[in-house]
Amino acid sequence: MNNNKLFFVLLLTFLLLSVGFFASQCSQSNKKQSEVENEYLGDAACKSCHKTEHDQWLASDHFKAMQASNDSTVLGDFNNAIYSADGVTSRFFKKDGKFFINTQGEDGKNHDFEIKYSFGYYPLQQYLIEFDRGRMQVTRQSWNSRDNKWFHQYAGQNILPNDWLHWTGNAQNWNTMCAECHSTNLKKNYNFDTDSYNTTYSLLTVSCESCHGPAKEHINYIGSAAYKSGKKEKGSYMLMPKNSSQHSEINTCFPVMQEK
């Protein structure tokens, strides 16, 4: 009798664990399927219904968070300007329509570095330099957009090239430290074995989908027969809908950084 009871208890336990396992697998499968279906579509997909907001975004600092360097996006003085501070002398100049900074490199010697992107807009703008293995580094030399002058991050400190805080070091690495807040749908894609990055993004800068999430499910819902017939879904499949709480805004715009 006791053996029979033990058998049924074990059988029931096995069945409960099996149901739990398969339910978990189905949940993860549905989640993955949902993630695949809800894609990032780009800011143009939002413009048709939200033109006013889209136009306001184009004039915002979010839009200007990261831009390819050109005469319209670069605010700093690159007219052969010289800036010396903290044991480093830098020169800012243009050549063949491109922007350059001559400053201290990884080896402690000055080199010419091409400015690939402007980073930030007002009141602070920095600049991004491309390195090997997919790395991009943020210059220590920064432009004060309010007072129109150059200044150093960590002013008053003589930071050596082998220091973690040197602009060529990991503390100033765009891929890890900066990119996720300045781009949309960023994937760092760091390779530990090769110490390299293959970083990707849906949009170079901070777009509508950075805060509101991927738009495909939202747009499909707005175009659905159910919506057109008057059925309204709270949140409309958006990560952060209109009149969101402060708590949801903080969770969306200030997340804990995670490797992707």
C-alpha atoms as a PDB file:
ATOM      1  CA  MET A   1       0.000   0.000   0.000  1.00  0.00           C
ATOM      2  CA  ASN A   2       2.766   2.399   0.959  1.00  0.00           C
ATOM      3  CA  ASN A   3       4.616   1.550  -2.244  1.00  0.00           C
ATOM      4  CA  ASN A   4       1.510   2.349  -4.298  1.00  0.00           C
ATOM      5  CA  LYS A   5       1.109   5.705  -2.559  1.00  0.00           C
ATOM      6  CA  LEU A   6       4.760   6.528  -3.131  1.00  0.00           C
ATOM      7  CA  PHE A   7       4.427   5.582  -6.795  1.00  0.00           C
ATOM      8  CA  PHE A   8       1.426   7.872  -7.304  1.00  0.00           C
ATOM      9  CA  VAL A   9       3.114  10.740  -5.450  1.00  0.00           C
ATOM     10  CA  LEU A  10       6.176  10.424  -7.656  1.00  0.00           C
ATOM     11  CA  LEU A  11       4.020  10.151 -10.762  1.00  0.00           C
ATOM     12  CA  LEU A  12       2.026  13.245  -9.808  1.00  0.00           C
ATOM     13  CA  THR A  13       5.236  15.180  -9.099  1.00  0.00           C
ATOM     14  CA  PHE A  14       6.662  14.175 -12.470  1.00  0.00           C
ATOM     15  CA  LEU A  15       3.491  15.249 -14.270  1.00  0.00           C
ATOM     16  CA  LEU A  16       3.431  18.643 -12.499  1.00  0.00           C
ATOM     17  CA  LEU A  17       7.084  19.275 -13.322  1.00  0.00           C
ATOM     18  CA  SER A  18       6.500  18.269 -16.948  1.00  0.00           C
ATOM     19  CA  VAL A  19       3.521  20.615 -17.281  1.00  0.00           C
ATOM     20  CA  GLY A  20       5.554  23.442 -15.740  1.00  0.00           C
ATOM     21  CA  PHE A  21       8.482  22.790 -18.066  1.00  0.00           C
ATOM     22  CA  PHE A  22       6.377  22.735 -21.227  1.00  0.00           C
ATOM     23  CA  ALA A  23       4.451  25.827 -20.125  1.00  0.00           C
ATOM     24  CA  SER A  24       7.762  27.632 -19.615  1.00  0.00           C
ATOM     25  CA  GLN A  25       8.997  26.530 -23.017  1.00  0.00           C
ATOM     26  CA  CYS A  26       5.791  27.706 -24.678  1.00  0.00           C
ATOM     27  CA  SER A  27       5.998  31.043 -22.873  1.00  0.00           C
ATOM     28  CA  GLN A  28       9.604  31.559 -23.995  1.00  0.00           C
ATOM     29  CA  SER A  29       8.701  30.503 -27.526  1.00  0.00           C
ATOM     30  CA  ASN A  30       5.801  32.970 -27.625  1.00  0.00           C
ATOM     31  CA  LYS A  31       8.032  35.703 -26.216  1.00  0.00           C
ATOM     32  CA  LYS A  32      10.689  35.072 -28.851  1.00  0.00           C
ATOM     33  CA  GLN A  33       8.028  35.015 -31.558  1.00  0.00           C
ATOM     34  CA  SER A  34       6.624  38.320 -30.284  1.00  0.00           C
ATOM     35  CA  GLU A  35      10.089  39.874 -30.240  1.00  0.00           C
ATOM     36  CA  VAL A  36      10.645  38.795 -33.836  1.00  0.00           C
ATOM     37  CA  GLU A  37       7.267  40.121 -34.965  1.00  0.00           C
ATOM     38  CA  ASN A  38       7.563  43.489 -33.197  1.00  0.00           C
ATOM     39  CA  GLU A  39      10.247  45.077 -35.322  1.00  0.00           C
ATOM     40  CA  TYR A  40      11.852  48.507 -35.440  1.00  0.00           C
ATOM     41  CA  LEU A  41      10.559  50.343 -38.524  1.00  0.00           C
ATOM     42  CA  GLY A  42      12.318  53.729 -38.332  1.00  0.00           C
ATOM     43  CA  ASP A  43      11.059  57.241 -37.707  1.00  0.00           C
ATOM     44  CA  ALA A  44       9.454  57.537 -41.169  1.00  0.00           C
ATOM     45  CA  ALA A  45       6.872  54.969 -40.099  1.00  0.00           C
ATOM     46  CA  CYS A  46       5.725  57.312 -37.304  1.00  0.00           C
ATOM     47  CA  LYS A  47       5.589  60.478 -39.391  1.00  0.00           C
ATOM     48  CA  SER A  48       2.316  59.827 -41.271  1.00  0.00           C
ATOM     49  CA  CYS A  49       0.260  59.854 -38.044  1.00  0.00           C
ATOM     50  CA  HIS A  50       2.476  62.070 -35.888  1.00  0.00           C
ATOM     51  CA  LYS A  51       3.853  64.740 -38.212  1.00  0.00           C
ATOM     52  CA  THR A  52       3.855  67.517 -35.615  1.00  0.00           C
ATOM     53  CA  GLU A  53       5.758  65.407 -33.111  1.00  0.00           C
ATOM     54  CA  HIS A  54       8.112  64.200 -35.860  1.00  0.00           C
ATOM     55  CA  ASP A  55       8.898  67.785 -36.883  1.00  0.00           C
ATOM     56  CA  GLN A  56       9.550  68.719 -33.257  1.00  0.00           C
ATOM     57  CA  TRP A  57      11.844  65.717 -32.895  1.00  0.00           C
ATOM     58  CA  LEU A  58      13.908  66.823 -35.922  1.00  0.00           C
ATOM     59  CA  ALA A  59      14.696  70.055 -34.075  1.00  0.00           C
ATOM     60  CA  SER A  60      15.416  68.359 -30.749  1.00  0.00           C
ATOM     61  CA  ASP A  61      18.657  67.384 -29.028  1.00  0.00           C
ATOM     62  CA  HIS A  62      17.471  63.755 -29.195  1.00  0.00           C
ATOM     63  CA  PHE A  63      17.714  63.927 -32.988  1.00  0.00           C
ATOM     64  CA  LYS A  64      21.143  65.561 -32.653  1.00  0.00           C
ATOM     65  CA  ALA A  65      22.451  63.036 -30.095  1.00  0.00           C
ATOM     66  CA  MET A  66      24.759  61.482 -32.698  1.00  0.00           C
ATOM     67  CA  GLN A  67      25.256  62.625 -36.284  1.00  0.00           C
ATOM     68  CA  ALA A  68      27.693  62.119 -39.125  1.00  0.00           C
ATOM     69  CA  SER A  69      30.223  64.950 -39.065  1.00  0.00           C
ATOM     70  CA  ASN A  70      29.646  67.788 -41.527  1.00  0.00           C
ATOM     71  CA  ASP A  71      29.464  71.584 -41.559  1.00  0.00           C
ATOM     72  CA  SER A  72      25.912  71.502 -40.156  1.00  0.00           C
ATOM     73  CA  THR A  73      26.458  69.066 -37.291  1.00  0.00           C
ATOM     74  CA  VAL A  74      29.945  69.974 -36.008  1.00  0.00           C
ATOM     75  CA  LEU A  75      29.823  73.009 -33.735  1.00  0.00           C
ATOM     76  CA  GLY A  76      33.456  73.086 -32.578  1.00  0.00           C
ATOM     77  CA  ASP A  77      36.133  75.425 -33.915  1.00  0.00           C
ATOM     78  CA  PHE A  78      38.077  73.407 -36.514  1.00  0.00           C
ATOM     79  CA  ASN A  79      39.672  76.439 -38.166  1.00  0.00           C
ATOM     80  CA  ASN A  80      43.196  75.407 -37.192  1.00  0.00           C
ATOM     81  CA  ALA A  81      42.399  76.104 -33.541  1.00  0.00           C
ATOM     82  CA  ILE A  82      44.941  75.195 -30.843  1.00  0.00           C
ATOM     83  CA  TYR A  83      44.021  74.078 -27.337  1.00  0.00           C
ATOM     84  CA  SER A  84      46.533  73.175 -24.593  1.00  0.00           C
ATOM     85  CA  ALA A  85      45.617  71.742 -21.190  1.00  0.00           C
ATOM     86  CA  ASP A  86      46.753  69.065 -18.731  1.00  0.00           C
ATOM     87  CA  GLY A  87      50.019  68.381 -20.583  1.00  0.00           C
ATOM     88  CA  VAL A  88      48.336  67.855 -23.979  1.00  0.00           C
ATOM     89  CA  THR A  89      48.283  70.229 -26.949  1.00  0.00           C
ATOM     90  CA  SER A  90      45.645  69.582 -29.601  1.00  0.00           C
ATOM     91  CA  ARG A  91      44.969  71.147 -32.960  1.00  0.00           C
ATOM     92  CA  PHE A  92      41.599  71.122 -34.722  1.00  0.00           C
ATOM     93  CA  PHE A  93      41.501  71.478 -38.491  1.00  0.00           C
ATOM     94  CA  LYS A  94      39.713  70.549 -41.723  1.00  0.00           C
ATOM     95  CA  LYS A  95      41.145  68.777 -44.740  1.00  0.00           C
ATOM     96  CA  ASP A  96      39.350  67.837 -47.965  1.00  0.00           C
ATOM     97  CA  GLY A  97      36.016  68.631 -46.341  1.00  0.00           C
ATOM     98  CA  LYS A  98      36.697  66.352 -43.349  1.00  0.00           C
ATOM     99  CA  PHE A  99      37.264  67.245 -39.697  1.00  0.00           C
ATOM    100  CA  PHE A 100      40.443  66.248 -37.842  1.00  0.00           C
ATOM    101  CA  ILE A 101      42.032  66.551 -34.434  1.00  0.00           C
ATOM    102  CA  ASN A 102      45.761  66.231 -33.888  1.00  0.00           C
ATOM    103  CA  THR A 103      46.209  65.040 -30.323  1.00  0.00           C
ATOM    104  CA  GLN A 104      47.862  62.487 -28.061  1.00  0.00           C
ATOM    105  CA  GLY A 105      47.211  58.881 -29.104  1.00  0.00           C
ATOM    106  CA  GLU A 106      47.569  55.473 -27.457  1.00  0.00           C
ATOM    107  CA  ASP A 107      51.360  55.619 -27.771  1.00  0.00           C
ATOM    108  CA  GLY A 108      51.669  59.011 -26.079  1.00  0.00           C
ATOM    109  CA  LYS A 109      52.517  60.769 -29.356  1.00  0.00           C
ATOM    110  CA  ASN A 110      50.368  63.193 -31.322  1.00  0.00           C
ATOM    111  CA  HIS A 111      48.579  61.900 -34.437  1.00  0.00           C
ATOM    112  CA  ASP A 112      45.882  63.121 -36.805  1.00  0.00           C
ATOM    113  CA  PHE A 113      42.481  61.537 -36.072  1.00  0.00           C
ATOM    114  CA  GLU A 114      39.467  61.967 -38.337  1.00  0.00           C
ATOM    115  CA  ILE A 115      36.216  62.975 -36.656  1.00  0.00           C
ATOM    116  CA  LYS A 116      33.632  60.391 -37.711  1.00  0.00           C
ATOM    117  CA  TYR A 117      30.602  61.635 -35.758  1.00  0.00           C
ATOM    118  CA  SER A 118      29.507  64.529 -33.598  1.00  0.00           C
ATOM    119  CA  PHE A 119      28.256  63.379 -30.215  1.00  0.00           C
ATOM    120  CA  GLY A 120      25.762  65.502 -28.324  1.00  0.00           C
ATOM    121  CA  TYR A 121      24.826  69.040 -29.272  1.00  0.00           C
ATOM    122  CA  TYR A 122      24.060  71.587 -26.545  1.00  0.00           C
ATOM    123  CA  PRO A 123      25.597  72.652 -24.216  1.00  0.00           C
ATOM    124  CA  LEU A 124      28.248  69.937 -24.693  1.00  0.00           C
ATOM    125  CA  GLN A 125      29.508  68.341 -27.873  1.00  0.00           C
ATOM    126  CA  GLN A 126      32.173  65.656 -28.155  1.00  0.00           C
ATOM    127  CA  TYR A 127      33.511  63.755 -31.156  1.00  0.00           C
ATOM    128  CA  LEU A 128      33.929  60.113 -32.117  1.00  0.00           C
ATOM    129  CA  ILE A 129      37.047  58.558 -33.636  1.00  0.00           C
ATOM    130  CA  GLU A 130      37.083  55.144 -35.333  1.00  0.00           C
ATOM    131  CA  PHE A 131      39.693  52.623 -34.207  1.00  0.00           C
ATOM    132  CA  ASP A 132      40.426  49.032 -35.122  1.00  0.00           C
ATOM    133  CA  ARG A 133      38.283  46.044 -34.044  1.00  0.00           C
ATOM    134  CA  GLY A 134      35.083  48.033 -34.438  1.00  0.00           C
ATOM    135  CA  ARG A 135      35.864  50.393 -31.571  1.00  0.00           C
ATOM    136  CA  MET A 136      34.881  54.037 -31.464  1.00  0.00           C
ATOM    137  CA  GLN A 137      36.373  56.364 -28.875  1.00  0.00           C
ATOM    138  CA  VAL A 138      35.107  59.669 -27.476  1.00  0.00           C
ATOM    139  CA  THR A 139      37.575  62.563 -27.521  1.00  0.00           C
ATOM    140  CA  ARG A 140      38.594  64.169 -24.234  1.00  0.00           C
ATOM    141  CA  GLN A 141      38.602  67.531 -25.976  1.00  0.00           C
ATOM    142  CA  SER A 142      35.021  68.763 -25.790  1.00  0.00           C
ATOM    143  CA  TRP A 143      33.221  71.773 -27.192  1.00  0.00           C
ATOM    144  CA  ASN A 144      31.277  74.121 -24.925  1.00  0.00           C
ATOM    145  CA  SER A 145      28.362  75.017 -27.201  1.00  0.00           C
ATOM    146  CA  ARG A 146      27.121  77.705 -24.816  1.00  0.00           C
ATOM    147  CA  ASP A 147      30.392  79.638 -24.448  1.00  0.00           C
ATOM    148  CA  ASN A 148      31.966  78.545 -27.762  1.00  0.00           C
ATOM    149  CA  LYS A 149      35.252  77.230 -26.405  1.00  0.00           C
ATOM    150  CA  TRP A 150      37.209  73.997 -26.041  1.00  0.00           C
ATOM    151  CA  PHE A 151      37.671  72.303 -22.677  1.00  0.00           C
ATOM    152  CA  HIS A 152      38.925  68.999 -21.246  1.00  0.00           C
ATOM    153  CA  GLN A 153      36.896  66.325 -19.555  1.00  0.00           C
ATOM    154  CA  TYR A 154      38.531  65.620 -16.157  1.00  0.00           C
ATOM    155  CA  ALA A 155      40.033  69.110 -16.187  1.00  0.00           C
ATOM    156  CA  GLY A 156      43.234  69.509 -14.192  1.00  0.00           C
ATOM    157  CA  GLN A 157      44.228  65.835 -14.428  1.00  0.00           C
ATOM    158  CA  ASN A 158      47.277  64.639 -16.352  1.00  0.00           C
ATOM    159  CA  ILE A 159      45.845  61.376 -17.760  1.00  0.00           C
ATOM    160  CA  LEU A 160      48.476  59.076 -19.267  1.00  0.00           C
ATOM    161  CA  PRO A 161      47.807  56.930 -22.367  1.00  0.00           C
ATOM    162  CA  ASN A 162      47.763  53.679 -20.385  1.00  0.00           C
ATOM    163  CA  ASP A 163      45.167  55.047 -17.952  1.00  0.00           C
ATOM    164  CA  TRP A 164      41.612  53.630 -18.092  1.00  0.00           C
ATOM    165  CA  LEU A 165      40.352  57.240 -18.263  1.00  0.00           C
ATOM    166  CA  HIS A 166      42.497  58.178 -21.286  1.00  0.00           C
ATOM    167  CA  TRP A 167      40.292  58.930 -24.265  1.00  0.00           C
ATOM    168  CA  THR A 168      41.661  55.873 -26.107  1.00  0.00           C
ATOM    169  CA  GLY A 169      40.842  53.582 -23.152  1.00  0.00           C
ATOM    170  CA  ASN A 170      37.778  51.622 -22.123  1.00  0.00           C
ATOM    171  CA  ALA A 171      36.302  54.429 -20.024  1.00  0.00           C
ATOM    172  CA  GLN A 172      35.787  56.479 -23.195  1.00  0.00           C
ATOM    173  CA  ASN A 173      34.689  53.603 -25.427  1.00  0.00           C
ATOM    174  CA  TRP A 174      31.501  54.482 -27.306  1.00  0.00           C
ATOM    175  CA  ASN A 175      30.379  50.886 -27.864  1.00  0.00           C
ATOM    176  CA  THR A 176      30.189  50.055 -24.168  1.00  0.00           C
ATOM    177  CA  MET A 177      29.779  53.348 -22.340  1.00  0.00           C
ATOM    178  CA  CYS A 178      27.792  55.698 -24.556  1.00  0.00           C
ATOM    179  CA  ALA A 179      26.087  54.171 -27.564  1.00  0.00           C
ATOM    180  CA  GLU A 180      23.002  52.646 -25.963  1.00  0.00           C
ATOM    181  CA  CYS A 181      21.648  56.024 -24.835  1.00  0.00           C
ATOM    182  CA  HIS A 182      22.544  57.845 -28.058  1.00  0.00           C
ATOM    183  CA  SER A 183      21.212  55.367 -30.654  1.00  0.00           C
ATOM    184  CA  THR A 184      18.106  53.278 -31.335  1.00  0.00           C
ATOM    185  CA  ASN A 185      17.928  49.487 -30.902  1.00  0.00           C
ATOM    186  CA  LEU A 186      21.627  49.166 -30.235  1.00  0.00           C
ATOM    187  CA  LYS A 187      23.342  45.763 -30.188  1.00  0.00           C
ATOM    188  CA  LYS A 188      26.909  45.957 -28.887  1.00  0.00           C
ATOM    189  CA  ASN A 189      27.928  42.555 -30.319  1.00  0.00           C
ATOM    190  CA  TYR A 190      31.149  42.285 -28.386  1.00  0.00           C
ATOM    191  CA  ASN A 191      33.399  39.287 -29.185  1.00  0.00           C
ATOM    192  CA  PHE A 192      35.364  38.296 -26.097  1.00  0.00           C
ATOM    193  CA  ASP A 193      37.798  36.063 -28.000  1.00  0.00           C
ATOM    194  CA  THR A 194      38.909  38.793 -30.393  1.00  0.00           C
ATOM    195  CA  ASP A 195      38.241  41.762 -28.094  1.00  0.00           C
ATOM    196  CA  SER A 196      36.255  43.356 -30.907  1.00  0.00           C
ATOM    197  CA  TYR A 197      32.856  44.883 -31.617  1.00  0.00           C
ATOM    198  CA  ASN A 198      30.389  44.554 -34.465  1.00  0.00           C
ATOM    199  CA  THR A 199      27.989  47.128 -33.062  1.00  0.00           C
ATOM    200  CA  THR A 200      24.708  47.681 -34.922  1.00  0.00           C
ATOM    201  CA  TYR A 201      21.665  49.936 -34.515  1.00  0.00           C
ATOM    202  CA  SER A 202      18.353  50.615 -36.248  1.00  0.00           C
ATOM    203  CA  LEU A 203      18.926  54.352 -36.287  1.00  0.00           C
ATOM    204  CA  LEU A 204      22.114  56.282 -35.628  1.00  0.00           C
ATOM    205  CA  THR A 205      20.534  58.651 -33.131  1.00  0.00           C
ATOM    206  CA  VAL A 206      17.768  58.741 -30.484  1.00  0.00           C
ATOM    207  CA  SER A 207      14.492  58.251 -32.353  1.00  0.00           C
ATOM    208  CA  CYS A 208      10.789  57.775 -31.531  1.00  0.00           C
ATOM    209  CA  GLU A 209      11.330  54.041 -31.058  1.00  0.00           C
ATOM    210  CA  SER A 210      14.084  54.619 -28.502  1.00  0.00           C
ATOM    211  CA  CYS A 211      11.429  55.589 -25.953  1.00  0.00           C
ATOM    212  CA  HIS A 212       8.226  54.125 -27.387  1.00  0.00           C
ATOM    213  CA  GLY A 213       9.695  50.791 -28.451  1.00  0.00           C
ATOM    214  CA  PRO A 214       9.590  48.951 -31.799  1.00  0.00           C
ATOM    215  CA  ALA A 215       6.628  50.219 -33.828  1.00  0.00           C
ATOM    216  CA  LYS A 216       5.485  47.292 -35.950  1.00  0.00           C
ATOM    217  CA  GLU A 217       2.835  45.904 -33.557  1.00  0.00           C
ATOM    218  CA  HIS A 218       1.557  49.412 -32.830  1.00  0.00           C
ATOM    219  CA  ILE A 219       1.178  50.268 -36.516  1.00  0.00           C
ATOM    220  CA  ASN A 220      -0.441  46.913 -37.306  1.00  0.00           C
ATOM    221  CA  TYR A 221      -2.940  47.526 -34.501  1.00  0.00           C
ATOM    222  CA  ILE A 222      -3.778  51.063 -35.663  1.00  0.00           C
ATOM    223  CA  GLY A 223      -4.429  49.694 -39.156  1.00  0.00           C
ATOM    224  CA  SER A 224      -6.524  46.769 -37.947  1.00  0.00           C
ATOM    225  CA  ALA A 225     -10.269  46.363 -38.412  1.00  0.00           C
ATOM    226  CA  ALA A 226     -10.726  46.148 -34.639  1.00  0.00           C
ATOM    227  CA  TYR A 227      -9.199  49.586 -34.093  1.00  0.00           C
ATOM    228  CA  LYS A 228     -11.118  51.137 -36.967  1.00  0.00           C
ATOM    229  CA  SER A 229     -14.358  49.721 -35.581  1.00  0.00           C
ATOM    230  CA  GLY A 230     -13.792  51.576 -32.327  1.00  0.00           C
ATOM    231  CA  LYS A 231     -12.046  48.988 -30.158  1.00  0.00           C
ATOM    232  CA  LYS A 232      -9.271  50.734 -28.226  1.00  0.00           C
ATOM    233  CA  GLU A 233      -6.376  48.860 -26.605  1.00  0.00           C
ATOM    234  CA  LYS A 234      -4.735  50.610 -23.647  1.00  0.00           C
ATOM    235  CA  GLY A 235      -1.130  51.407 -24.491  1.00  0.00           C
ATOM    236  CA  SER A 236      -1.631  50.490 -28.158  1.00  0.00           C
ATOM    237  CA  TYR A 237       1.317  48.052 -28.062  1.00  0.00           C
ATOM    238  CA  MET A 238       3.788  50.801 -27.220  1.00  0.00           C
ATOM    239  CA  LEU A 239       6.552  50.541 -24.663  1.00  0.00           C
ATOM    240  CA  MET A 240       5.807  54.024 -23.331  1.00  0.00           C
ATOM    241  CA  PRO A 241       2.406  55.395 -24.439  1.00  0.00           C
ATOM    242  CA  LYS A 242       0.994  58.888 -23.982  1.00  0.00           C
ATOM    243  CA  ASN A 243       0.602  60.073 -20.374  1.00  0.00           C
ATOM    244  CA  SER A 244       2.984  57.425 -19.073  1.00  0.00           C
ATOM    245  CA  SER A 245       3.874  57.483 -15.403  1.00  0.00           C
ATOM    246  CA  GLN A 246       7.164  58.859 -14.157  1.00  0.00           C
ATOM    247  CA  HIS A 247       8.086  55.339 -13.072  1.00  0.00           C
ATOM    248  CA  SER A 248       7.643  53.911 -16.568  1.00  0.00           C
ATOM    249  CA  GLU A 249       9.564  56.817 -18.076  1.00  0.00           C
ATOM    250  CA  ILE A 250      12.489  56.184 -15.735  1.00  0.00           C
ATOM    251  CA  ASN A 251      12.442  52.455 -16.509  1.00  0.00           C
ATOM    252  CA  THR A 252      12.403  53.191 -20.237  1.00  0.00           C
ATOM    253  CA  CYS A 253      14.898  56.029 -20.490  1.00  0.00           C
ATOM    254  CA  PHE A 254      17.308  55.066 -17.690  1.00  0.00           C
ATOM    255  CA  PRO A 255      17.601  51.275 -17.852  1.00  0.00           C
ATOM    256  CA  VAL A 256      20.431  49.281 -16.324  1.00  0.00           C
ATOM    257  CA  MET A 257      22.948  48.835 -19.127  1.00  0.00           C
ATOM    258  CA  GLN A 258      23.246  45.229 -20.238  1.00  0.00           C
ATOM    259  CA  GLU A 259      25.437  43.496 -22.781  1.00  0.00           C
ATOM    260  CA  LYS A 260      23.533  42.686 -25.973  1.00  0.00           C
END
